[in-house]
Amino acid sequence: MAAAAALADADPEVEQVIICTPDKDLGQCVGGKVVQWDRRRDVFFDAAGVRDKFGVDPGSIPDYLALVGDSADGFPGLAGFGARSAAAVLAKYEHLEQVPAACEDWSVPVRNPGRLAATLRQNFELALLFRRIATLETDADVLVSVDDLCWTGPQRELVGLAEQVNGLGLAERAIRLSERRGGE
């Protein structure tokens, strides 16, 4: 999704790119023409919305997740870092490498800065690994152009796949939708 969103964002013909997921890590893709939609809550997030929700800019989301963890992606983050402390530190320093090693050099209001600084210092390589896990690849070779995303109706393989995953009526619904759209 990240690579497709980046490709669409760069296309002058595209007005807006909507990433439909509440996944925190996709927040790093937001900006430019890219927004994120949490369809369960029917909330859209632009860059300011990501900042309001997490306390950091979209470019700092992987660093934020490295500190607080991401259970969906299976990594715990660093002990002691919660959403508020991670956001405060990264709102000031943006990326892990820019956070001073000594808490005396921190100019952010967080609880237990000495403990947090020591935790980050002792687990810095682990934090970098967690950040790598949380970083989405935007240059993956997924599409040639946004025209590849144009839906032309269900393909023959859909029926077999729908049966395989027990997608009750999935193939039939796709066929009806295609017929209503005039076989686009």
N, C-alpha and C. Protein backbone atom coordinates (compact mmCIF):
# COMPACT_ATOMS: atom_id res chain seq x y z
N MET A 1 0.82 -1.19 0.00
CA MET A 1 0.00 0.00 0.00
C MET A 1 0.86 1.26 0.00
N ALA A 2 1.95 1.22 0.74
CA ALA A 2 2.81 2.41 0.83
C ALA A 2 3.41 2.75 -0.53
N ALA A 3 3.87 1.74 -1.25
CA ALA A 3 4.47 1.98 -2.57
C ALA A 3 3.42 2.48 -3.57
N ALA A 4 2.24 1.88 -3.52
CA ALA A 4 1.17 2.31 -4.42
C ALA A 4 0.74 3.74 -4.09
N ALA A 5 0.67 4.07 -2.81
CA ALA A 5 0.29 5.42 -2.40
C ALA A 5 1.33 6.43 -2.86
N ALA A 6 2.60 6.09 -2.74
CA ALA A 6 3.66 7.01 -3.19
C ALA A 6 3.61 7.21 -4.69
N LEU A 7 3.36 6.14 -5.44
CA LEU A 7 3.24 6.25 -6.89
C LEU A 7 2.07 7.15 -7.27
N ALA A 8 0.92 6.93 -6.62
CA ALA A 8 -0.26 7.73 -6.92
C ALA A 8 -0.08 9.19 -6.50
N ASP A 9 0.61 9.41 -5.38
CA ASP A 9 0.86 10.77 -4.90
C ASP A 9 1.69 11.55 -5.92
N ALA A 10 2.60 10.88 -6.59
CA ALA A 10 3.48 11.54 -7.56
C ALA A 10 2.80 11.75 -8.92
N ASP A 11 1.66 11.13 -9.15
CA ASP A 11 0.98 11.24 -10.45
C ASP A 11 0.16 12.53 -10.49
N PRO A 12 0.42 13.41 -11.46
CA PRO A 12 -0.31 14.68 -11.53
C PRO A 12 -1.80 14.51 -11.83
N GLU A 13 -2.20 13.37 -12.36
CA GLU A 13 -3.61 13.12 -12.67
C GLU A 13 -4.42 12.74 -11.43
N VAL A 14 -3.75 12.36 -10.36
CA VAL A 14 -4.42 11.89 -9.14
C VAL A 14 -4.68 13.09 -8.24
N GLU A 15 -5.94 13.22 -7.80
CA GLU A 15 -6.31 14.34 -6.93
C GLU A 15 -6.08 14.01 -5.46
N GLN A 16 -6.41 12.79 -5.06
CA GLN A 16 -6.27 12.39 -3.67
C GLN A 16 -6.03 10.89 -3.59
N VAL A 17 -5.22 10.49 -2.63
CA VAL A 17 -4.94 9.09 -2.37
C VAL A 17 -5.48 8.78 -0.99
N ILE A 18 -6.35 7.79 -0.90
CA ILE A 18 -6.93 7.43 0.39
C ILE A 18 -6.45 6.03 0.77
N ILE A 19 -5.74 5.95 1.88
CA ILE A 19 -5.31 4.66 2.42
C ILE A 19 -6.37 4.25 3.43
N CYS A 20 -7.04 3.15 3.16
CA CYS A 20 -8.17 2.72 3.99
C CYS A 20 -7.72 1.70 5.03
N THR A 21 -7.23 2.17 6.16
CA THR A 21 -6.85 1.30 7.26
C THR A 21 -6.61 2.14 8.50
N PRO A 22 -6.93 1.60 9.67
CA PRO A 22 -6.62 2.32 10.91
C PRO A 22 -5.20 2.00 11.40
N ASP A 23 -4.46 1.18 10.66
CA ASP A 23 -3.11 0.77 11.07
C ASP A 23 -2.22 1.98 11.33
N LYS A 24 -1.61 2.00 12.51
CA LYS A 24 -0.76 3.14 12.89
C LYS A 24 0.41 3.32 11.95
N ASP A 25 1.02 2.22 11.50
CA ASP A 25 2.23 2.36 10.68
C ASP A 25 1.95 3.01 9.33
N LEU A 26 0.73 2.93 8.83
CA LEU A 26 0.42 3.59 7.55
C LEU A 26 0.36 5.10 7.68
N GLY A 27 0.33 5.61 8.90
CA GLY A 27 0.35 7.05 9.12
C GLY A 27 1.60 7.71 8.56
N GLN A 28 2.68 6.94 8.41
CA GLN A 28 3.92 7.51 7.86
C GLN A 28 3.79 7.85 6.38
N CYS A 29 2.77 7.34 5.72
CA CYS A 29 2.56 7.61 4.29
C CYS A 29 1.77 8.89 4.06
N VAL A 30 1.15 9.41 5.10
CA VAL A 30 0.27 10.57 4.97
C VAL A 30 1.06 11.83 4.69
N GLY A 31 0.51 12.63 3.80
CA GLY A 31 1.13 13.90 3.42
C GLY A 31 0.97 14.09 1.93
N GLY A 32 1.10 15.31 1.47
CA GLY A 32 0.85 15.57 0.05
C GLY A 32 -0.61 15.29 -0.24
N LYS A 33 -0.86 14.44 -1.22
CA LYS A 33 -2.24 14.08 -1.57
C LYS A 33 -2.73 12.86 -0.81
N VAL A 34 -1.89 12.29 0.05
CA VAL A 34 -2.22 11.04 0.74
C VAL A 34 -2.86 11.32 2.09
N VAL A 35 -4.04 10.73 2.30
CA VAL A 35 -4.72 10.77 3.59
C VAL A 35 -5.01 9.33 4.02
N GLN A 36 -5.28 9.18 5.29
CA GLN A 36 -5.60 7.86 5.83
C GLN A 36 -7.05 7.90 6.32
N TRP A 37 -7.79 6.82 6.04
CA TRP A 37 -9.19 6.76 6.44
C TRP A 37 -9.39 5.56 7.35
N ASP A 38 -9.85 5.84 8.56
CA ASP A 38 -10.27 4.78 9.47
C ASP A 38 -11.76 4.61 9.22
N ARG A 39 -12.10 3.64 8.39
CA ARG A 39 -13.49 3.50 7.97
C ARG A 39 -14.41 3.03 9.10
N ARG A 40 -13.85 2.36 10.11
CA ARG A 40 -14.69 1.93 11.22
C ARG A 40 -15.20 3.12 12.01
N ARG A 41 -14.37 4.13 12.16
CA ARG A 41 -14.76 5.35 12.88
C ARG A 41 -15.16 6.47 11.93
N ASP A 42 -14.96 6.24 10.63
CA ASP A 42 -15.23 7.23 9.58
C ASP A 42 -14.49 8.54 9.86
N VAL A 43 -13.17 8.40 10.07
CA VAL A 43 -12.31 9.55 10.35
C VAL A 43 -11.17 9.56 9.33
N PHE A 44 -10.92 10.74 8.75
CA PHE A 44 -9.82 10.92 7.82
C PHE A 44 -8.69 11.66 8.53
N PHE A 45 -7.45 11.26 8.23
CA PHE A 45 -6.28 11.89 8.81
C PHE A 45 -5.37 12.41 7.70
N ASP A 46 -5.14 13.72 7.70
CA ASP A 46 -4.08 14.29 6.88
C ASP A 46 -2.86 14.41 7.79
N ALA A 47 -1.81 15.11 7.34
CA ALA A 47 -0.60 15.21 8.16
C ALA A 47 -0.89 15.86 9.51
N ALA A 48 -1.73 16.88 9.52
CA ALA A 48 -2.09 17.53 10.79
C ALA A 48 -2.88 16.57 11.68
N GLY A 49 -3.71 15.73 11.07
CA GLY A 49 -4.47 14.75 11.84
C GLY A 49 -3.58 13.69 12.46
N VAL A 50 -2.56 13.25 11.73
CA VAL A 50 -1.59 12.30 12.28
C VAL A 50 -0.87 12.95 13.46
N ARG A 51 -0.47 14.19 13.29
CA ARG A 51 0.21 14.94 14.36
C ARG A 51 -0.70 15.06 15.58
N ASP A 52 -1.97 15.37 15.36
CA ASP A 52 -2.92 15.49 16.47
C ASP A 52 -3.13 14.14 17.17
N LYS A 53 -3.19 13.08 16.39
CA LYS A 53 -3.47 11.76 16.96
C LYS A 53 -2.27 11.18 17.72
N PHE A 54 -1.07 11.32 17.14
CA PHE A 54 0.10 10.67 17.73
C PHE A 54 1.08 11.64 18.40
N GLY A 55 0.97 12.91 18.10
CA GLY A 55 1.89 13.88 18.67
C GLY A 55 3.19 14.03 17.90
N VAL A 56 3.29 13.37 16.75
CA VAL A 56 4.48 13.45 15.90
C VAL A 56 4.05 13.59 14.45
N ASP A 57 4.97 14.10 13.63
CA ASP A 57 4.70 14.20 12.20
C ASP A 57 4.73 12.81 11.55
N PRO A 58 4.10 12.66 10.39
CA PRO A 58 4.09 11.35 9.73
C PRO A 58 5.48 10.73 9.55
N GLY A 59 6.48 11.54 9.26
CA GLY A 59 7.83 11.01 9.07
C GLY A 59 8.46 10.40 10.32
N SER A 60 7.89 10.70 11.49
CA SER A 60 8.41 10.15 12.75
C SER A 60 7.62 8.93 13.24
N ILE A 61 6.62 8.52 12.50
CA ILE A 61 5.80 7.38 12.94
C ILE A 61 6.64 6.12 13.15
N PRO A 62 7.57 5.74 12.27
CA PRO A 62 8.37 4.54 12.54
C PRO A 62 9.19 4.66 13.84
N ASP A 63 9.72 5.83 14.12
CA ASP A 63 10.48 6.06 15.35
C ASP A 63 9.56 5.96 16.56
N TYR A 64 8.37 6.54 16.44
CA TYR A 64 7.36 6.49 17.50
C TYR A 64 7.00 5.04 17.81
N LEU A 65 6.73 4.26 16.77
CA LEU A 65 6.36 2.86 16.97
C LEU A 65 7.53 2.05 17.54
N ALA A 66 8.76 2.41 17.19
CA ALA A 66 9.93 1.74 17.75
C ALA A 66 9.96 1.91 19.26
N LEU A 67 9.53 3.07 19.74
CA LEU A 67 9.55 3.32 21.19
C LEU A 67 8.34 2.73 21.90
N VAL A 68 7.15 2.90 21.34
CA VAL A 68 5.94 2.44 22.03
C VAL A 68 5.55 1.02 21.69
N GLY A 69 6.08 0.50 20.57
CA GLY A 69 5.73 -0.85 20.14
C GLY A 69 4.52 -0.87 19.23
N ASP A 70 4.32 -2.00 18.60
CA ASP A 70 3.18 -2.20 17.71
C ASP A 70 2.78 -3.66 17.79
N SER A 71 1.75 -3.94 18.56
CA SER A 71 1.33 -5.34 18.74
C SER A 71 0.88 -5.97 17.43
N ALA A 72 0.34 -5.17 16.50
CA ALA A 72 -0.09 -5.72 15.22
C ALA A 72 1.09 -6.26 14.43
N ASP A 73 2.26 -5.64 14.59
CA ASP A 73 3.45 -6.09 13.88
C ASP A 73 4.36 -6.93 14.77
N GLY A 74 3.98 -7.14 16.02
CA GLY A 74 4.67 -8.09 16.89
C GLY A 74 5.95 -7.62 17.53
N PHE A 75 6.08 -6.33 17.83
CA PHE A 75 7.26 -5.91 18.59
C PHE A 75 6.80 -5.01 19.74
N PRO A 76 7.49 -5.13 20.89
CA PRO A 76 7.01 -4.50 22.12
C PRO A 76 7.39 -3.05 22.34
N GLY A 77 8.34 -2.51 21.63
CA GLY A 77 8.83 -1.18 21.94
C GLY A 77 9.81 -1.24 23.10
N LEU A 78 10.12 -0.10 23.67
CA LEU A 78 11.09 -0.04 24.77
C LEU A 78 10.37 0.21 26.08
N ALA A 79 10.81 -0.48 27.11
CA ALA A 79 10.20 -0.38 28.44
C ALA A 79 10.21 1.07 28.92
N GLY A 80 9.08 1.52 29.45
CA GLY A 80 8.98 2.85 30.01
C GLY A 80 8.45 3.89 29.04
N PHE A 81 8.58 3.63 27.76
CA PHE A 81 8.09 4.60 26.78
C PHE A 81 6.61 4.34 26.51
N GLY A 82 5.81 5.34 26.79
CA GLY A 82 4.40 5.30 26.44
C GLY A 82 4.15 6.29 25.32
N ALA A 83 2.89 6.41 24.95
CA ALA A 83 2.54 7.30 23.85
C ALA A 83 2.94 8.74 24.12
N ARG A 84 2.70 9.22 25.34
CA ARG A 84 3.02 10.63 25.64
C ARG A 84 4.51 10.90 25.68
N SER A 85 5.26 10.03 26.33
CA SER A 85 6.71 10.28 26.42
C SER A 85 7.37 10.15 25.05
N ALA A 86 6.98 9.15 24.28
CA ALA A 86 7.55 8.98 22.94
C ALA A 86 7.21 10.18 22.06
N ALA A 87 5.96 10.63 22.13
CA ALA A 87 5.55 11.79 21.32
C ALA A 87 6.30 13.05 21.73
N ALA A 88 6.48 13.25 23.03
CA ALA A 88 7.18 14.45 23.48
C ALA A 88 8.63 14.46 23.00
N VAL A 89 9.29 13.31 23.13
CA VAL A 89 10.70 13.22 22.72
C VAL A 89 10.83 13.39 21.21
N LEU A 90 9.98 12.71 20.45
CA LEU A 90 10.11 12.75 18.99
C LEU A 90 9.55 14.03 18.37
N ALA A 91 8.61 14.69 19.05
CA ALA A 91 8.14 15.98 18.55
C ALA A 91 9.30 16.98 18.56
N LYS A 92 10.19 16.82 19.51
CA LYS A 92 11.36 17.70 19.62
C LYS A 92 12.51 17.23 18.74
N TYR A 93 12.82 15.92 18.77
CA TYR A 93 14.04 15.42 18.11
C TYR A 93 13.78 14.67 16.80
N GLU A 94 12.56 14.34 16.52
CA GLU A 94 12.10 13.76 15.25
C GLU A 94 12.52 12.30 15.02
N HIS A 95 13.80 11.99 15.15
CA HIS A 95 14.27 10.62 14.88
C HIS A 95 15.17 10.13 16.01
N LEU A 96 15.25 8.84 16.17
CA LEU A 96 16.00 8.23 17.26
C LEU A 96 17.44 8.72 17.33
N GLU A 97 18.10 8.85 16.18
CA GLU A 97 19.50 9.26 16.16
C GLU A 97 19.70 10.68 16.68
N GLN A 98 18.66 11.47 16.65
CA GLN A 98 18.78 12.87 17.07
C GLN A 98 18.48 13.08 18.55
N VAL A 99 18.03 12.02 19.24
CA VAL A 99 17.73 12.13 20.67
C VAL A 99 19.06 12.09 21.43
N PRO A 100 19.34 13.12 22.25
CA PRO A 100 20.59 13.12 23.00
C PRO A 100 20.70 11.90 23.93
N ALA A 101 21.91 11.39 24.08
CA ALA A 101 22.13 10.22 24.93
C ALA A 101 21.91 10.53 26.40
N ALA A 102 22.29 11.72 26.83
CA ALA A 102 22.17 12.10 28.24
C ALA A 102 20.86 12.85 28.47
N CYS A 103 20.14 12.46 29.50
CA CYS A 103 18.85 13.11 29.77
C CYS A 103 19.02 14.57 30.12
N GLU A 104 20.19 14.97 30.62
CA GLU A 104 20.44 16.38 30.93
C GLU A 104 20.37 17.25 29.68
N ASP A 105 20.57 16.63 28.54
CA ASP A 105 20.53 17.36 27.27
C ASP A 105 19.14 17.36 26.64
N TRP A 106 18.21 16.66 27.26
CA TRP A 106 16.85 16.63 26.73
C TRP A 106 16.17 17.94 27.12
N SER A 107 15.50 18.54 26.21
CA SER A 107 14.73 19.74 26.53
C SER A 107 13.25 19.49 26.29
N VAL A 108 12.79 18.35 26.83
CA VAL A 108 11.38 17.99 26.71
C VAL A 108 10.85 17.62 28.09
N PRO A 109 9.60 17.99 28.37
CA PRO A 109 9.02 17.66 29.68
C PRO A 109 8.44 16.24 29.69
N VAL A 110 9.20 15.29 30.19
CA VAL A 110 8.71 13.91 30.31
C VAL A 110 9.00 13.43 31.73
N ARG A 111 8.22 12.46 32.16
CA ARG A 111 8.46 11.86 33.47
C ARG A 111 9.62 10.88 33.36
N ASN A 112 10.45 10.86 34.37
CA ASN A 112 11.59 9.95 34.44
C ASN A 112 12.53 10.03 33.23
N PRO A 113 12.98 11.22 32.87
CA PRO A 113 13.84 11.33 31.70
C PRO A 113 15.14 10.53 31.84
N GLY A 114 15.67 10.42 33.04
CA GLY A 114 16.89 9.64 33.25
C GLY A 114 16.69 8.18 32.90
N ARG A 115 15.60 7.62 33.36
CA ARG A 115 15.30 6.21 33.07
C ARG A 115 15.04 6.01 31.58
N LEU A 116 14.29 6.93 30.96
CA LEU A 116 14.01 6.80 29.53
C LEU A 116 15.29 6.92 28.70
N ALA A 117 16.13 7.89 29.04
CA ALA A 117 17.38 8.06 28.30
C ALA A 117 18.26 6.82 28.45
N ALA A 118 18.34 6.27 29.66
CA ALA A 118 19.14 5.06 29.88
C ALA A 118 18.58 3.88 29.10
N THR A 119 17.26 3.75 29.09
CA THR A 119 16.62 2.66 28.33
C THR A 119 16.93 2.78 26.85
N LEU A 120 16.80 3.99 26.32
CA LEU A 120 17.08 4.20 24.90
C LEU A 120 18.55 3.94 24.60
N ARG A 121 19.43 4.41 25.45
CA ARG A 121 20.87 4.21 25.25
C ARG A 121 21.22 2.71 25.27
N GLN A 122 20.67 1.99 26.25
CA GLN A 122 20.99 0.56 26.39
C GLN A 122 20.34 -0.31 25.32
N ASN A 123 19.25 0.18 24.75
CA ASN A 123 18.50 -0.62 23.76
C ASN A 123 18.43 0.05 22.40
N PHE A 124 19.42 0.87 22.10
CA PHE A 124 19.37 1.67 20.87
C PHE A 124 19.32 0.79 19.63
N GLU A 125 20.14 -0.25 19.57
CA GLU A 125 20.13 -1.14 18.39
C GLU A 125 18.78 -1.84 18.25
N LEU A 126 18.18 -2.20 19.36
CA LEU A 126 16.86 -2.83 19.33
C LEU A 126 15.82 -1.83 18.82
N ALA A 127 15.92 -0.59 19.28
CA ALA A 127 15.00 0.45 18.81
C ALA A 127 15.14 0.64 17.30
N LEU A 128 16.38 0.62 16.81
CA LEU A 128 16.59 0.75 15.36
C LEU A 128 15.98 -0.43 14.61
N LEU A 129 16.07 -1.63 15.19
CA LEU A 129 15.44 -2.80 14.57
C LEU A 129 13.93 -2.63 14.54
N PHE A 130 13.35 -2.21 15.66
CA PHE A 130 11.90 -2.00 15.70
C PHE A 130 11.48 -0.94 14.69
N ARG A 131 12.27 0.11 14.56
CA ARG A 131 11.96 1.15 13.57
C ARG A 131 12.00 0.57 12.16
N ARG A 132 12.98 -0.26 11.90
CA ARG A 132 13.09 -0.88 10.57
C ARG A 132 11.86 -1.73 10.27
N ILE A 133 11.39 -2.46 11.28
CA ILE A 133 10.19 -3.29 11.11
C ILE A 133 8.98 -2.40 10.81
N ALA A 134 8.92 -1.24 11.44
CA ALA A 134 7.78 -0.34 11.28
C ALA A 134 7.86 0.54 10.04
N THR A 135 9.01 0.56 9.37
CA THR A 135 9.19 1.43 8.21
C THR A 135 8.65 0.74 6.95
N LEU A 136 7.74 1.41 6.29
CA LEU A 136 7.14 0.86 5.08
C LEU A 136 7.98 1.24 3.87
N GLU A 137 8.09 0.32 2.94
CA GLU A 137 8.86 0.55 1.71
C GLU A 137 7.97 1.27 0.70
N THR A 138 8.40 2.43 0.29
CA THR A 138 7.62 3.17 -0.70
C THR A 138 8.18 3.02 -2.10
N ASP A 139 9.29 2.31 -2.23
CA ASP A 139 9.88 2.15 -3.55
C ASP A 139 9.78 0.72 -4.07
N ALA A 140 8.92 -0.08 -3.45
CA ALA A 140 8.72 -1.46 -3.92
C ALA A 140 8.15 -1.43 -5.33
N ASP A 141 8.55 -2.37 -6.13
CA ASP A 141 8.13 -2.45 -7.52
C ASP A 141 6.77 -3.15 -7.61
N VAL A 142 5.69 -2.41 -7.32
CA VAL A 142 4.37 -3.01 -7.30
C VAL A 142 3.52 -2.68 -8.52
N LEU A 143 3.71 -1.49 -9.06
CA LEU A 143 2.90 -1.04 -10.18
C LEU A 143 3.77 -0.27 -11.16
N VAL A 144 3.35 -0.25 -12.41
CA VAL A 144 4.03 0.57 -13.39
C VAL A 144 3.44 1.98 -13.36
N SER A 145 2.11 2.06 -13.25
CA SER A 145 1.44 3.36 -13.18
C SER A 145 0.14 3.19 -12.41
N VAL A 146 -0.49 4.30 -12.07
CA VAL A 146 -1.76 4.23 -11.35
C VAL A 146 -2.85 3.62 -12.22
N ASP A 147 -2.67 3.63 -13.52
CA ASP A 147 -3.64 2.99 -14.40
C ASP A 147 -3.77 1.50 -14.11
N ASP A 148 -2.72 0.90 -13.53
CA ASP A 148 -2.77 -0.52 -13.16
C ASP A 148 -3.79 -0.78 -12.05
N LEU A 149 -4.21 0.28 -11.35
CA LEU A 149 -5.17 0.14 -10.27
C LEU A 149 -6.62 0.21 -10.74
N CYS A 150 -6.82 0.57 -11.98
CA CYS A 150 -8.17 0.71 -12.50
C CYS A 150 -8.86 -0.65 -12.52
N TRP A 151 -10.01 -0.74 -11.87
CA TRP A 151 -10.74 -2.00 -11.80
C TRP A 151 -11.52 -2.22 -13.08
N THR A 152 -11.31 -3.35 -13.69
CA THR A 152 -12.00 -3.67 -14.94
C THR A 152 -13.04 -4.77 -14.77
N GLY A 153 -13.37 -5.05 -13.53
CA GLY A 153 -14.34 -6.11 -13.24
C GLY A 153 -13.63 -7.33 -12.69
N PRO A 154 -14.42 -8.28 -12.19
CA PRO A 154 -13.80 -9.47 -11.59
C PRO A 154 -13.11 -10.34 -12.63
N GLN A 155 -11.99 -10.89 -12.24
CA GLN A 155 -11.25 -11.81 -13.10
C GLN A 155 -11.75 -13.24 -12.84
N ARG A 156 -11.51 -14.12 -13.78
CA ARG A 156 -11.95 -15.50 -13.67
C ARG A 156 -11.48 -16.17 -12.38
N GLU A 157 -10.26 -15.83 -11.94
CA GLU A 157 -9.67 -16.46 -10.76
C GLU A 157 -10.42 -16.14 -9.48
N LEU A 158 -11.24 -15.08 -9.50
CA LEU A 158 -11.94 -14.67 -8.30
C LEU A 158 -12.88 -15.76 -7.78
N VAL A 159 -13.58 -16.44 -8.66
CA VAL A 159 -14.54 -17.46 -8.23
C VAL A 159 -13.82 -18.54 -7.43
N GLY A 160 -12.73 -19.06 -7.93
CA GLY A 160 -11.99 -20.09 -7.21
C GLY A 160 -11.42 -19.58 -5.90
N LEU A 161 -10.90 -18.38 -5.92
CA LEU A 161 -10.35 -17.80 -4.70
C LEU A 161 -11.45 -17.57 -3.66
N ALA A 162 -12.60 -17.06 -4.10
CA ALA A 162 -13.72 -16.82 -3.19
C ALA A 162 -14.17 -18.12 -2.54
N GLU A 163 -14.23 -19.19 -3.31
CA GLU A 163 -14.61 -20.49 -2.75
C GLU A 163 -13.55 -20.97 -1.75
N GLN A 164 -12.30 -20.76 -2.08
CA GLN A 164 -11.19 -21.19 -1.24
C GLN A 164 -11.21 -20.51 0.13
N VAL A 165 -11.54 -19.22 0.17
CA VAL A 165 -11.55 -18.50 1.44
C VAL A 165 -12.95 -18.43 2.05
N ASN A 166 -13.88 -19.17 1.47
CA ASN A 166 -15.25 -19.20 1.95
C ASN A 166 -15.86 -17.80 1.95
N GLY A 167 -15.60 -17.06 0.87
CA GLY A 167 -16.11 -15.69 0.72
C GLY A 167 -17.54 -15.72 0.25
N LEU A 168 -18.45 -15.92 1.16
CA LEU A 168 -19.86 -16.07 0.87
C LEU A 168 -20.38 -15.00 -0.10
N GLY A 169 -20.64 -15.40 -1.31
CA GLY A 169 -21.22 -14.50 -2.30
C GLY A 169 -20.27 -13.43 -2.84
N LEU A 170 -19.00 -13.52 -2.51
CA LEU A 170 -18.03 -12.50 -2.92
C LEU A 170 -17.97 -12.38 -4.44
N ALA A 171 -17.82 -13.49 -5.13
CA ALA A 171 -17.71 -13.45 -6.58
C ALA A 171 -19.00 -12.91 -7.21
N GLU A 172 -20.14 -13.35 -6.70
CA GLU A 172 -21.41 -12.89 -7.26
C GLU A 172 -21.59 -11.38 -7.05
N ARG A 173 -21.21 -10.88 -5.88
CA ARG A 173 -21.32 -9.43 -5.62
C ARG A 173 -20.42 -8.64 -6.55
N ALA A 174 -19.22 -9.13 -6.79
CA ALA A 174 -18.29 -8.44 -7.69
C ALA A 174 -18.83 -8.42 -9.11
N ILE A 175 -19.42 -9.51 -9.54
CA ILE A 175 -20.00 -9.58 -10.89
C ILE A 175 -21.18 -8.61 -11.01
N ARG A 176 -22.05 -8.58 -9.99
CA ARG A 176 -23.20 -7.64 -10.02
C ARG A 176 -22.71 -6.19 -10.04
N LEU A 177 -21.69 -5.88 -9.24
CA LEU A 177 -21.15 -4.52 -9.22
C LEU A 177 -20.60 -4.15 -10.59
N SER A 178 -19.90 -5.06 -11.20
CA SER A 178 -19.33 -4.79 -12.52
C SER A 178 -20.43 -4.56 -13.55
N GLU A 179 -21.50 -5.35 -13.47
CA GLU A 179 -22.61 -5.19 -14.41
C GLU A 179 -23.32 -3.85 -14.20
N ARG A 180 -23.48 -3.43 -12.93
CA ARG A 180 -24.12 -2.14 -12.65
C ARG A 180 -23.27 -0.98 -13.19
N ARG A 181 -21.97 -1.15 -13.20
CA ARG A 181 -21.07 -0.10 -13.69
C ARG A 181 -20.88 -0.19 -15.20
N GLY A 182 -21.55 -1.11 -15.81
CA GLY A 182 -21.46 -1.24 -17.27
C GLY A 182 -20.21 -1.94 -17.72
N GLY A 183 -19.67 -2.83 -16.86
CA GLY A 183 -18.50 -3.62 -17.24
C GLY A 183 -17.23 -2.81 -17.32
N GLU A 184 -17.14 -1.70 -16.54
CA GLU A 184 -15.94 -0.85 -16.57
C GLU A 184 -14.67 -1.64 -16.40
